[in-house]
Amino acid sequence: RHFAHLGIEPLSDEMSGGFLRNLAKSRR
C-alpha cells in the first residue's frame, strides 16, 4: 500500500513533456 499508488519517477526515461501533458488532460 505504500508503493502501489505511486506515479512516475521524474528521472526515468519515460518522463517527458508529452507524458505530463497527457496526464494533465481534463484537469484544471
mmCIF file of all heavy atoms, coordinates in Angstrom:
data_MODEL
# 
_entry.id   MODEL 
# 
loop_
_atom_site.group_PDB 
_atom_site.id 
_atom_site.type_symbol 
_atom_site.label_atom_id 
_atom_site.label_alt_id 
_atom_site.label_comp_id 
_atom_site.label_asym_id 
_atom_site.label_entity_id 
_atom_site.label_seq_id 
_atom_site.pdbx_PDB_ins_code 
_atom_site.Cartn_x 
_atom_site.Cartn_y 
_atom_site.Cartn_z 
_atom_site.occupancy 
_atom_site.B_iso_or_equiv 
_atom_site.pdbx_formal_charge 
_atom_site.auth_seq_id 
_atom_site.auth_comp_id 
_atom_site.auth_asym_id 
_atom_site.auth_atom_id 
_atom_site.pdbx_PDB_model_num 
ATOM 1   N N   . ARG A 1 1  ? 0.809   -1.228 0.000   1.00 0.00 ? 1  ARG A N   1 
ATOM 2   C CA  . ARG A 1 1  ? 0.000   0.000  0.000   1.00 0.00 ? 1  ARG A CA  1 
ATOM 3   C C   . ARG A 1 1  ? 0.837   1.272  0.000   1.00 0.00 ? 1  ARG A C   1 
ATOM 4   O O   . ARG A 1 1  ? 0.357   2.332  -0.416  1.00 0.00 ? 1  ARG A O   1 
ATOM 5   C CB  . ARG A 1 1  ? -0.937  0.008  1.211   1.00 0.00 ? 1  ARG A CB  1 
ATOM 6   C CG  . ARG A 1 1  ? -0.225  0.025  2.563   1.00 0.00 ? 1  ARG A CG  1 
ATOM 7   C CD  . ARG A 1 1  ? -1.214  -0.076 3.713   1.00 0.00 ? 1  ARG A CD  1 
ATOM 8   N NE  . ARG A 1 1  ? -0.573  -0.124 5.018   1.00 0.00 ? 1  ARG A NE  1 
ATOM 9   C CZ  . ARG A 1 1  ? -0.190  0.942  5.694   1.00 0.00 ? 1  ARG A CZ  1 
ATOM 10  N NH1 . ARG A 1 1  ? -0.416  2.159  5.201   1.00 0.00 ? 1  ARG A NH1 1 
ATOM 11  N NH2 . ARG A 1 1  ? 0.386   0.819  6.873   1.00 0.00 ? 1  ARG A NH2 1 
ATOM 12  N N   . HIS A 1 2  ? 2.084   1.208  0.440   1.00 0.00 ? 2  HIS A N   1 
ATOM 13  C CA  . HIS A 1 2  ? 2.941   2.391  0.436   1.00 0.00 ? 2  HIS A CA  1 
ATOM 14  C C   . HIS A 1 2  ? 3.436   2.734  -0.974  1.00 0.00 ? 2  HIS A C   1 
ATOM 15  O O   . HIS A 1 2  ? 3.850   3.867  -1.221  1.00 0.00 ? 2  HIS A O   1 
ATOM 16  C CB  . HIS A 1 2  ? 4.148   2.184  1.344   1.00 0.00 ? 2  HIS A CB  1 
ATOM 17  C CG  . HIS A 1 2  ? 3.805   1.992  2.788   1.00 0.00 ? 2  HIS A CG  1 
ATOM 18  N ND1 . HIS A 1 2  ? 3.574   0.741  3.333   1.00 0.00 ? 2  HIS A ND1 1 
ATOM 19  C CD2 . HIS A 1 2  ? 3.644   2.888  3.793   1.00 0.00 ? 2  HIS A CD2 1 
ATOM 20  C CE1 . HIS A 1 2  ? 3.293   0.875  4.619   1.00 0.00 ? 2  HIS A CE1 1 
ATOM 21  N NE2 . HIS A 1 2  ? 3.317   2.154  4.926   1.00 0.00 ? 2  HIS A NE2 1 
ATOM 22  N N   . PHE A 1 3  ? 3.410   1.743  -1.889  1.00 0.00 ? 3  PHE A N   1 
ATOM 23  C CA  . PHE A 1 3  ? 4.014   1.922  -3.205  1.00 0.00 ? 3  PHE A CA  1 
ATOM 24  C C   . PHE A 1 3  ? 3.040   1.779  -4.374  1.00 0.00 ? 3  PHE A C   1 
ATOM 25  O O   . PHE A 1 3  ? 3.298   2.311  -5.452  1.00 0.00 ? 3  PHE A O   1 
ATOM 26  C CB  . PHE A 1 3  ? 5.151   0.904  -3.390  1.00 0.00 ? 3  PHE A CB  1 
ATOM 27  C CG  . PHE A 1 3  ? 6.209   0.972  -2.337  1.00 0.00 ? 3  PHE A CG  1 
ATOM 28  C CD1 . PHE A 1 3  ? 6.179   0.098  -1.255  1.00 0.00 ? 3  PHE A CD1 1 
ATOM 29  C CD2 . PHE A 1 3  ? 7.217   1.907  -2.409  1.00 0.00 ? 3  PHE A CD2 1 
ATOM 30  C CE1 . PHE A 1 3  ? 7.163   0.161  -0.274  1.00 0.00 ? 3  PHE A CE1 1 
ATOM 31  C CE2 . PHE A 1 3  ? 8.196   1.976  -1.434  1.00 0.00 ? 3  PHE A CE2 1 
ATOM 32  C CZ  . PHE A 1 3  ? 8.176   1.110  -0.362  1.00 0.00 ? 3  PHE A CZ  1 
ATOM 33  N N   . ALA A 1 4  ? 1.938   1.073  -4.172  1.00 0.00 ? 4  ALA A N   1 
ATOM 34  C CA  . ALA A 1 4  ? 1.067   0.715  -5.292  1.00 0.00 ? 4  ALA A CA  1 
ATOM 35  C C   . ALA A 1 4  ? 0.494   1.932  -6.017  1.00 0.00 ? 4  ALA A C   1 
ATOM 36  O O   . ALA A 1 4  ? 0.224   1.866  -7.220  1.00 0.00 ? 4  ALA A O   1 
ATOM 37  C CB  . ALA A 1 4  ? -0.062  -0.184 -4.795  1.00 0.00 ? 4  ALA A CB  1 
ATOM 38  N N   . HIS A 1 5  ? 0.304   3.043  -5.307  1.00 0.00 ? 5  HIS A N   1 
ATOM 39  C CA  . HIS A 1 5  ? -0.344  4.211  -5.899  1.00 0.00 ? 5  HIS A CA  1 
ATOM 40  C C   . HIS A 1 5  ? 0.638   5.200  -6.517  1.00 0.00 ? 5  HIS A C   1 
ATOM 41  O O   . HIS A 1 5  ? 0.218   6.213  -7.094  1.00 0.00 ? 5  HIS A O   1 
ATOM 42  C CB  . HIS A 1 5  ? -1.135  4.946  -4.816  1.00 0.00 ? 5  HIS A CB  1 
ATOM 43  C CG  . HIS A 1 5  ? -0.251  5.581  -3.778  1.00 0.00 ? 5  HIS A CG  1 
ATOM 44  N ND1 . HIS A 1 5  ? 0.389   4.837  -2.807  1.00 0.00 ? 5  HIS A ND1 1 
ATOM 45  C CD2 . HIS A 1 5  ? 0.125   6.876  -3.583  1.00 0.00 ? 5  HIS A CD2 1 
ATOM 46  C CE1 . HIS A 1 5  ? 1.116   5.648  -2.055  1.00 0.00 ? 5  HIS A CE1 1 
ATOM 47  N NE2 . HIS A 1 5  ? 0.967   6.882  -2.500  1.00 0.00 ? 5  HIS A NE2 1 
ATOM 48  N N   . LEU A 1 6  ? 1.932   4.935  -6.410  1.00 0.00 ? 6  LEU A N   1 
ATOM 49  C CA  . LEU A 1 6  ? 2.919   5.939  -6.792  1.00 0.00 ? 6  LEU A CA  1 
ATOM 50  C C   . LEU A 1 6  ? 3.024   6.128  -8.304  1.00 0.00 ? 6  LEU A C   1 
ATOM 51  O O   . LEU A 1 6  ? 2.884   5.182  -9.080  1.00 0.00 ? 6  LEU A O   1 
ATOM 52  C CB  . LEU A 1 6  ? 4.297   5.551  -6.237  1.00 0.00 ? 6  LEU A CB  1 
ATOM 53  C CG  . LEU A 1 6  ? 4.420   5.560  -4.713  1.00 0.00 ? 6  LEU A CG  1 
ATOM 54  C CD1 . LEU A 1 6  ? 5.804   5.086  -4.287  1.00 0.00 ? 6  LEU A CD1 1 
ATOM 55  C CD2 . LEU A 1 6  ? 4.133   6.954  -4.144  1.00 0.00 ? 6  LEU A CD2 1 
ATOM 56  N N   . GLY A 1 7  ? 3.299   7.366  -8.695  1.00 0.00 ? 7  GLY A N   1 
ATOM 57  C CA  . GLY A 1 7  ? 3.403   7.718  -10.098 1.00 0.00 ? 7  GLY A CA  1 
ATOM 58  C C   . GLY A 1 7  ? 4.783   7.497  -10.670 1.00 0.00 ? 7  GLY A C   1 
ATOM 59  O O   . GLY A 1 7  ? 5.599   6.736  -10.139 1.00 0.00 ? 7  GLY A O   1 
ATOM 60  N N   . ILE A 1 8  ? 5.085   8.219  -11.752 1.00 0.00 ? 8  ILE A N   1 
ATOM 61  C CA  . ILE A 1 8  ? 6.316   8.027  -12.497 1.00 0.00 ? 8  ILE A CA  1 
ATOM 62  C C   . ILE A 1 8  ? 7.508   8.618  -11.747 1.00 0.00 ? 8  ILE A C   1 
ATOM 63  O O   . ILE A 1 8  ? 7.388   9.612  -11.033 1.00 0.00 ? 8  ILE A O   1 
ATOM 64  C CB  . ILE A 1 8  ? 6.189   8.671  -13.902 1.00 0.00 ? 8  ILE A CB  1 
ATOM 65  C CG1 . ILE A 1 8  ? 7.338   8.240  -14.804 1.00 0.00 ? 8  ILE A CG1 1 
ATOM 66  C CG2 . ILE A 1 8  ? 6.114   10.202 -13.795 1.00 0.00 ? 8  ILE A CG2 1 
ATOM 67  C CD1 . ILE A 1 8  ? 7.165   8.678  -16.250 1.00 0.00 ? 8  ILE A CD1 1 
ATOM 68  N N   . GLU A 1 9  ? 8.669   7.994  -11.931 1.00 0.00 ? 9  GLU A N   1 
ATOM 69  C CA  . GLU A 1 9  ? 9.915   8.546  -11.412 1.00 0.00 ? 9  GLU A CA  1 
ATOM 70  C C   . GLU A 1 9  ? 10.359  9.681  -12.339 1.00 0.00 ? 9  GLU A C   1 
ATOM 71  O O   . GLU A 1 9  ? 10.499  9.480  -13.552 1.00 0.00 ? 9  GLU A O   1 
ATOM 72  C CB  . GLU A 1 9  ? 11.003  7.461  -11.360 1.00 0.00 ? 9  GLU A CB  1 
ATOM 73  C CG  . GLU A 1 9  ? 10.808  6.434  -10.266 1.00 0.00 ? 9  GLU A CG  1 
ATOM 74  C CD  . GLU A 1 9  ? 11.193  6.971  -8.898  1.00 0.00 ? 9  GLU A CD  1 
ATOM 75  O OE1 . GLU A 1 9  ? 11.931  7.974  -8.833  1.00 0.00 ? 9  GLU A OE1 1 
ATOM 76  O OE2 . GLU A 1 9  ? 10.754  6.390  -7.891  1.00 0.00 ? 9  GLU A OE2 1 
ATOM 77  N N   . PRO A 1 10 ? 10.613  10.878 -11.800 1.00 0.00 ? 10 PRO A N   1 
ATOM 78  C CA  . PRO A 1 10 ? 10.931  12.019 -12.662 1.00 0.00 ? 10 PRO A CA  1 
ATOM 79  C C   . PRO A 1 10 ? 12.272  11.902 -13.387 1.00 0.00 ? 10 PRO A C   1 
ATOM 80  O O   . PRO A 1 10 ? 12.498  12.605 -14.377 1.00 0.00 ? 10 PRO A O   1 
ATOM 81  C CB  . PRO A 1 10 ? 10.933  13.202 -11.688 1.00 0.00 ? 10 PRO A CB  1 
ATOM 82  C CG  . PRO A 1 10 ? 11.162  12.595 -10.353 1.00 0.00 ? 10 PRO A CG  1 
ATOM 83  C CD  . PRO A 1 10 ? 10.513  11.250 -10.384 1.00 0.00 ? 10 PRO A CD  1 
ATOM 84  N N   . LEU A 1 11 ? 13.161  11.033 -12.934 1.00 0.00 ? 11 LEU A N   1 
ATOM 85  C CA  . LEU A 1 11 ? 14.449  10.859 -13.595 1.00 0.00 ? 11 LEU A CA  1 
ATOM 86  C C   . LEU A 1 11 ? 14.449  9.681  -14.564 1.00 0.00 ? 11 LEU A C   1 
ATOM 87  O O   . LEU A 1 11 ? 15.489  9.347  -15.134 1.00 0.00 ? 11 LEU A O   1 
ATOM 88  C CB  . LEU A 1 11 ? 15.553  10.668 -12.553 1.00 0.00 ? 11 LEU A CB  1 
ATOM 89  C CG  . LEU A 1 11 ? 15.769  11.850 -11.603 1.00 0.00 ? 11 LEU A CG  1 
ATOM 90  C CD1 . LEU A 1 11 ? 16.885  11.546 -10.607 1.00 0.00 ? 11 LEU A CD1 1 
ATOM 91  C CD2 . LEU A 1 11 ? 16.093  13.126 -12.371 1.00 0.00 ? 11 LEU A CD2 1 
ATOM 92  N N   . SER A 1 12 ? 13.299  9.067  -14.775 1.00 0.00 ? 12 SER A N   1 
ATOM 93  C CA  . SER A 1 12 ? 13.204  7.919  -15.675 1.00 0.00 ? 12 SER A CA  1 
ATOM 94  C C   . SER A 1 12 ? 13.158  8.374  -17.130 1.00 0.00 ? 12 SER A C   1 
ATOM 95  O O   . SER A 1 12 ? 12.859  9.534  -17.445 1.00 0.00 ? 12 SER A O   1 
ATOM 96  C CB  . SER A 1 12 ? 11.963  7.096  -15.354 1.00 0.00 ? 12 SER A CB  1 
ATOM 97  O OG  . SER A 1 12 ? 10.790  7.849  -15.644 1.00 0.00 ? 12 SER A OG  1 
ATOM 98  N N   . ASP A 1 13 ? 13.432  7.443  -18.035 1.00 0.00 ? 13 ASP A N   1 
ATOM 99  C CA  . ASP A 1 13 ? 13.380  7.751  -19.466 1.00 0.00 ? 13 ASP A CA  1 
ATOM 100 C C   . ASP A 1 13 ? 11.962  8.064  -19.922 1.00 0.00 ? 13 ASP A C   1 
ATOM 101 O O   . ASP A 1 13 ? 11.764  8.790  -20.907 1.00 0.00 ? 13 ASP A O   1 
ATOM 102 C CB  . ASP A 1 13 ? 13.923  6.565  -20.272 1.00 0.00 ? 13 ASP A CB  1 
ATOM 103 C CG  . ASP A 1 13 ? 15.418  6.347  -20.067 1.00 0.00 ? 13 ASP A CG  1 
ATOM 104 O OD1 . ASP A 1 13 ? 16.096  7.313  -19.662 1.00 0.00 ? 13 ASP A OD1 1 
ATOM 105 O OD2 . ASP A 1 13 ? 15.891  5.219  -20.305 1.00 0.00 ? 13 ASP A OD2 1 
ATOM 106 N N   . GLU A 1 14 ? 10.973  7.523  -19.219 1.00 0.00 ? 14 GLU A N   1 
ATOM 107 C CA  . GLU A 1 14 ? 9.577   7.730  -19.613 1.00 0.00 ? 14 GLU A CA  1 
ATOM 108 C C   . GLU A 1 14 ? 9.084   9.139  -19.316 1.00 0.00 ? 14 GLU A C   1 
ATOM 109 O O   . GLU A 1 14 ? 8.093   9.594  -19.888 1.00 0.00 ? 14 GLU A O   1 
ATOM 110 C CB  . GLU A 1 14 ? 8.670   6.721  -18.900 1.00 0.00 ? 14 GLU A CB  1 
ATOM 111 C CG  . GLU A 1 14 ? 8.871   5.277  -19.323 1.00 0.00 ? 14 GLU A CG  1 
ATOM 112 C CD  . GLU A 1 14 ? 10.124  4.646  -18.725 1.00 0.00 ? 14 GLU A CD  1 
ATOM 113 O OE1 . GLU A 1 14 ? 10.634  5.192  -17.730 1.00 0.00 ? 14 GLU A OE1 1 
ATOM 114 O OE2 . GLU A 1 14 ? 10.582  3.633  -19.267 1.00 0.00 ? 14 GLU A OE2 1 
ATOM 115 N N   . MET A 1 15 ? 9.782   9.826  -18.429 1.00 0.00 ? 15 MET A N   1 
ATOM 116 C CA  . MET A 1 15 ? 9.367   11.180 -18.041 1.00 0.00 ? 15 MET A CA  1 
ATOM 117 C C   . MET A 1 15 ? 9.637   12.158 -19.191 1.00 0.00 ? 15 MET A C   1 
ATOM 118 O O   . MET A 1 15 ? 10.758  12.276 -19.678 1.00 0.00 ? 15 MET A O   1 
ATOM 119 C CB  . MET A 1 15 ? 10.161  11.599 -16.796 1.00 0.00 ? 15 MET A CB  1 
ATOM 120 C CG  . MET A 1 15 ? 9.961   13.039 -16.394 1.00 0.00 ? 15 MET A CG  1 
ATOM 121 S SD  . MET A 1 15 ? 8.301   13.322 -15.764 1.00 0.00 ? 15 MET A SD  1 
ATOM 122 C CE  . MET A 1 15 ? 8.539   14.948 -15.059 1.00 0.00 ? 15 MET A CE  1 
ATOM 123 N N   . SER A 1 16 ? 8.596   12.836 -19.631 1.00 0.00 ? 16 SER A N   1 
ATOM 124 C CA  . SER A 1 16 ? 8.729   13.783 -20.743 1.00 0.00 ? 16 SER A CA  1 
ATOM 125 C C   . SER A 1 16 ? 7.611   14.805 -20.673 1.00 0.00 ? 16 SER A C   1 
ATOM 126 O O   . SER A 1 16 ? 6.637   14.640 -19.924 1.00 0.00 ? 16 SER A O   1 
ATOM 127 C CB  . SER A 1 16 ? 8.656   13.044 -22.091 1.00 0.00 ? 16 SER A CB  1 
ATOM 128 O OG  . SER A 1 16 ? 7.360   12.495 -22.273 1.00 0.00 ? 16 SER A OG  1 
ATOM 129 N N   . GLY A 1 17 ? 7.740   15.839 -21.493 1.00 0.00 ? 17 GLY A N   1 
ATOM 130 C CA  . GLY A 1 17 ? 6.682   16.825 -21.571 1.00 0.00 ? 17 GLY A CA  1 
ATOM 131 C C   . GLY A 1 17 ? 5.382   16.220 -22.057 1.00 0.00 ? 17 GLY A C   1 
ATOM 132 O O   . GLY A 1 17 ? 4.297   16.549 -21.559 1.00 0.00 ? 17 GLY A O   1 
ATOM 133 N N   . GLY A 1 18 ? 5.482   15.325 -23.034 1.00 0.00 ? 18 GLY A N   1 
ATOM 134 C CA  . GLY A 1 18 ? 4.281   14.678 -23.553 1.00 0.00 ? 18 GLY A CA  1 
ATOM 135 C C   . GLY A 1 18 ? 3.593   13.816 -22.504 1.00 0.00 ? 18 GLY A C   1 
ATOM 136 O O   . GLY A 1 18 ? 2.356   13.780 -22.434 1.00 0.00 ? 18 GLY A O   1 
ATOM 137 N N   . PHE A 1 19 ? 4.377   13.155 -21.673 1.00 0.00 ? 19 PHE A N   1 
ATOM 138 C CA  . PHE A 1 19 ? 3.811   12.329 -20.615 1.00 0.00 ? 19 PHE A CA  1 
ATOM 139 C C   . PHE A 1 19 ? 3.033   13.199 -19.631 1.00 0.00 ? 19 PHE A C   1 
ATOM 140 O O   . PHE A 1 19 ? 1.901   12.883 -19.266 1.00 0.00 ? 19 PHE A O   1 
ATOM 141 C CB  . PHE A 1 19 ? 4.933   11.584 -19.893 1.00 0.00 ? 19 PHE A CB  1 
ATOM 142 C CG  . PHE A 1 19 ? 4.466   10.675 -18.804 1.00 0.00 ? 19 PHE A CG  1 
ATOM 143 C CD1 . PHE A 1 19 ? 4.136   9.359  -19.079 1.00 0.00 ? 19 PHE A CD1 1 
ATOM 144 C CD2 . PHE A 1 19 ? 4.350   11.124 -17.497 1.00 0.00 ? 19 PHE A CD2 1 
ATOM 145 C CE1 . PHE A 1 19 ? 3.691   8.509  -18.072 1.00 0.00 ? 19 PHE A CE1 1 
ATOM 146 C CE2 . PHE A 1 19 ? 3.911   10.289 -16.486 1.00 0.00 ? 19 PHE A CE2 1 
ATOM 147 C CZ  . PHE A 1 19 ? 3.580   8.977  -16.775 1.00 0.00 ? 19 PHE A CZ  1 
ATOM 148 N N   . LEU A 1 20 ? 3.625   14.320 -19.214 1.00 0.00 ? 20 LEU A N   1 
ATOM 149 C CA  . LEU A 1 20 ? 2.946   15.223 -18.281 1.00 0.00 ? 20 LEU A CA  1 
ATOM 150 C C   . LEU A 1 20 ? 1.693   15.812 -18.916 1.00 0.00 ? 20 LEU A C   1 
ATOM 151 O O   . LEU A 1 20 ? 0.648   15.926 -18.274 1.00 0.00 ? 20 LEU A O   1 
ATOM 152 C CB  . LEU A 1 20 ? 3.897   16.330 -17.844 1.00 0.00 ? 20 LEU A CB  1 
ATOM 153 C CG  . LEU A 1 20 ? 5.093   15.925 -16.979 1.00 0.00 ? 20 LEU A CG  1 
ATOM 154 C CD1 . LEU A 1 20 ? 5.971   17.144 -16.691 1.00 0.00 ? 20 LEU A CD1 1 
ATOM 155 C CD2 . LEU A 1 20 ? 4.632   15.287 -15.673 1.00 0.00 ? 20 LEU A CD2 1 
ATOM 156 N N   . ARG A 1 21 ? 1.819   16.202 -20.163 1.00 0.00 ? 21 ARG A N   1 
ATOM 157 C CA  . ARG A 1 21 ? 0.683   16.816 -20.860 1.00 0.00 ? 21 ARG A CA  1 
ATOM 158 C C   . ARG A 1 21 ? -0.494  15.854 -20.948 1.00 0.00 ? 21 ARG A C   1 
ATOM 159 O O   . ARG A 1 21 ? -1.653  16.240 -20.733 1.00 0.00 ? 21 ARG A O   1 
ATOM 160 C CB  . ARG A 1 21 ? 1.118   17.241 -22.253 1.00 0.00 ? 21 ARG A CB  1 
ATOM 161 C CG  . ARG A 1 21 ? 0.074   17.979 -23.080 1.00 0.00 ? 21 ARG A CG  1 
ATOM 162 C CD  . ARG A 1 21 ? 0.712   18.590 -24.314 1.00 0.00 ? 21 ARG A CD  1 
ATOM 163 N NE  . ARG A 1 21 ? -0.280  19.240 -25.156 1.00 0.00 ? 21 ARG A NE  1 
ATOM 164 C CZ  . ARG A 1 21 ? -0.884  18.661 -26.194 1.00 0.00 ? 21 ARG A CZ  1 
ATOM 165 N NH1 . ARG A 1 21 ? -0.584  17.406 -26.514 1.00 0.00 ? 21 ARG A NH1 1 
ATOM 166 N NH2 . ARG A 1 21 ? -1.766  19.318 -26.913 1.00 0.00 ? 21 ARG A NH2 1 
ATOM 167 N N   . ASN A 1 22 ? -0.220  14.584 -21.227 1.00 0.00 ? 22 ASN A N   1 
ATOM 168 C CA  . ASN A 1 22 ? -1.293  13.593 -21.312 1.00 0.00 ? 22 ASN A CA  1 
ATOM 169 C C   . ASN A 1 22 ? -1.979  13.401 -19.958 1.00 0.00 ? 22 ASN A C   1 
ATOM 170 O O   . ASN A 1 22 ? -3.201  13.273 -19.881 1.00 0.00 ? 22 ASN A O   1 
ATOM 171 C CB  . ASN A 1 22 ? -0.737  12.264 -21.814 1.00 0.00 ? 22 ASN A CB  1 
ATOM 172 C CG  . ASN A 1 22 ? -0.437  12.286 -23.301 1.00 0.00 ? 22 ASN A CG  1 
ATOM 173 O OD1 . ASN A 1 22 ? -1.016  13.077 -24.055 1.00 0.00 ? 22 ASN A OD1 1 
ATOM 174 N ND2 . ASN A 1 22 ? 0.468   11.428 -23.743 1.00 0.00 ? 22 ASN A ND2 1 
ATOM 175 N N   . LEU A 1 23 ? -1.193  13.378 -18.886 1.00 0.00 ? 23 LEU A N   1 
ATOM 176 C CA  . LEU A 1 23 ? -1.772  13.206 -17.556 1.00 0.00 ? 23 LEU A CA  1 
ATOM 177 C C   . LEU A 1 23 ? -2.584  14.429 -17.126 1.00 0.00 ? 23 LEU A C   1 
ATOM 178 O O   . LEU A 1 23 ? -3.469  14.323 -16.286 1.00 0.00 ? 23 LEU A O   1 
ATOM 179 C CB  . LEU A 1 23 ? -0.668  12.939 -16.528 1.00 0.00 ? 23 LEU A CB  1 
ATOM 180 C CG  . LEU A 1 23 ? -0.037  11.552 -16.557 1.00 0.00 ? 23 LEU A CG  1 
ATOM 181 C CD1 . LEU A 1 23 ? 1.026   11.434 -15.480 1.00 0.00 ? 23 LEU A CD1 1 
ATOM 182 C CD2 . LEU A 1 23 ? -1.090  10.468 -16.359 1.00 0.00 ? 23 LEU A CD2 1 
ATOM 183 N N   . ALA A 1 24 ? -2.243  15.590 -17.692 1.00 0.00 ? 24 ALA A N   1 
ATOM 184 C CA  . ALA A 1 24 ? -2.929  16.821 -17.304 1.00 0.00 ? 24 ALA A CA  1 
ATOM 185 C C   . ALA A 1 24 ? -4.246  17.028 -18.040 1.00 0.00 ? 24 ALA A C   1 
ATOM 186 O O   . ALA A 1 24 ? -5.013  17.932 -17.690 1.00 0.00 ? 24 ALA A O   1 
ATOM 187 C CB  . ALA A 1 24 ? -2.011  18.015 -17.560 1.00 0.00 ? 24 ALA A CB  1 
ATOM 188 N N   . LYS A 1 25 ? -4.524  16.215 -19.036 1.00 0.00 ? 25 LYS A N   1 
ATOM 189 C CA  . LYS A 1 25 ? -5.770  16.367 -19.794 1.00 0.00 ? 25 LYS A CA  1 
ATOM 190 C C   . LYS A 1 25 ? -6.967  16.236 -18.868 1.00 0.00 ? 25 LYS A C   1 
ATOM 191 O O   . LYS A 1 25 ? -7.011  15.370 -18.011 1.00 0.00 ? 25 LYS A O   1 
ATOM 192 C CB  . LYS A 1 25 ? -5.839  15.316 -20.897 1.00 0.00 ? 25 LYS A CB  1 
ATOM 193 C CG  . LYS A 1 25 ? -4.883  15.575 -22.053 1.00 0.00 ? 25 LYS A CG  1 
ATOM 194 C CD  . LYS A 1 25 ? -5.001  14.489 -23.111 1.00 0.00 ? 25 LYS A CD  1 
ATOM 195 C CE  . LYS A 1 25 ? -4.067  14.760 -24.282 1.00 0.00 ? 25 LYS A CE  1 
ATOM 196 N NZ  . LYS A 1 25 ? -4.130  13.671 -25.303 1.00 0.00 ? 25 LYS A NZ  1 
ATOM 197 N N   . SER A 1 26 ? -7.913  17.106 -19.053 1.00 0.00 ? 26 SER A N   1 
ATOM 198 C CA  . SER A 1 26 ? -9.167  17.166 -18.287 1.00 0.00 ? 26 SER A CA  1 
ATOM 199 C C   . SER A 1 26 ? -8.964  17.652 -16.856 1.00 0.00 ? 26 SER A C   1 
ATOM 200 O O   . SER A 1 26 ? -9.882  17.628 -16.043 1.00 0.00 ? 26 SER A O   1 
ATOM 201 C CB  . SER A 1 26 ? -9.880  15.808 -18.271 1.00 0.00 ? 26 SER A CB  1 
ATOM 202 O OG  . SER A 1 26 ? -9.251  14.898 -17.380 1.00 0.00 ? 26 SER A OG  1 
ATOM 203 N N   . ARG A 1 27 ? -7.753  18.105 -16.499 1.00 0.00 ? 27 ARG A N   1 
ATOM 204 C CA  . ARG A 1 27 ? -7.515  18.671 -15.172 1.00 0.00 ? 27 ARG A CA  1 
ATOM 205 C C   . ARG A 1 27 ? -7.536  20.191 -15.255 1.00 0.00 ? 27 ARG A C   1 
ATOM 206 O O   . ARG A 1 27 ? -7.313  20.778 -16.305 1.00 0.00 ? 27 ARG A O   1 
ATOM 207 C CB  . ARG A 1 27 ? -6.179  18.191 -14.604 1.00 0.00 ? 27 ARG A CB  1 
ATOM 208 C CG  . ARG A 1 27 ? -6.128  16.684 -14.334 1.00 0.00 ? 27 ARG A CG  1 
ATOM 209 C CD  . ARG A 1 27 ? -4.750  16.261 -13.862 1.00 0.00 ? 27 ARG A CD  1 
ATOM 210 N NE  . ARG A 1 27 ? -4.656  14.828 -13.628 1.00 0.00 ? 27 ARG A NE  1 
ATOM 211 C CZ  . ARG A 1 27 ? -4.752  14.241 -12.444 1.00 0.00 ? 27 ARG A CZ  1 
ATOM 212 N NH1 . ARG A 1 27 ? -4.921  15.002 -11.365 1.00 0.00 ? 27 ARG A NH1 1 
ATOM 213 N NH2 . ARG A 1 27 ? -4.666  12.932 -12.318 1.00 0.00 ? 27 ARG A NH2 1 
ATOM 214 N N   . ARG A 1 28 ? -7.735  20.832 -14.086 1.00 0.00 ? 28 ARG A N   1 
ATOM 215 C CA  . ARG A 1 28 ? -7.811  22.291 -14.060 1.00 0.00 ? 28 ARG A CA  1 
ATOM 216 C C   . ARG A 1 28 ? -7.015  22.915 -12.914 1.00 0.00 ? 28 ARG A C   1 
ATOM 217 O O   . ARG A 1 28 ? -7.019  24.112 -12.756 1.00 0.00 ? 28 ARG A O   1 
ATOM 218 C CB  . ARG A 1 28 ? -9.287  22.735 -13.929 1.00 0.00 ? 28 ARG A CB  1 
ATOM 219 C CG  . ARG A 1 28 ? -10.155 22.397 -15.135 1.00 0.00 ? 28 ARG A CG  1 
ATOM 220 C CD  . ARG A 1 28 ? -9.777  23.240 -16.328 1.00 0.00 ? 28 ARG A CD  1 
ATOM 221 N NE  . ARG A 1 28 ? -10.649 22.990 -17.469 1.00 0.00 ? 28 ARG A NE  1 
ATOM 222 C CZ  . ARG A 1 28 ? -10.449 22.041 -18.369 1.00 0.00 ? 28 ARG A CZ  1 
ATOM 223 N NH1 . ARG A 1 28 ? -9.408  21.224 -18.253 1.00 0.00 ? 28 ARG A NH1 1 
ATOM 224 N NH2 . ARG A 1 28 ? -11.272 21.875 -19.385 1.00 0.00 ? 28 ARG A NH2 1 
# 
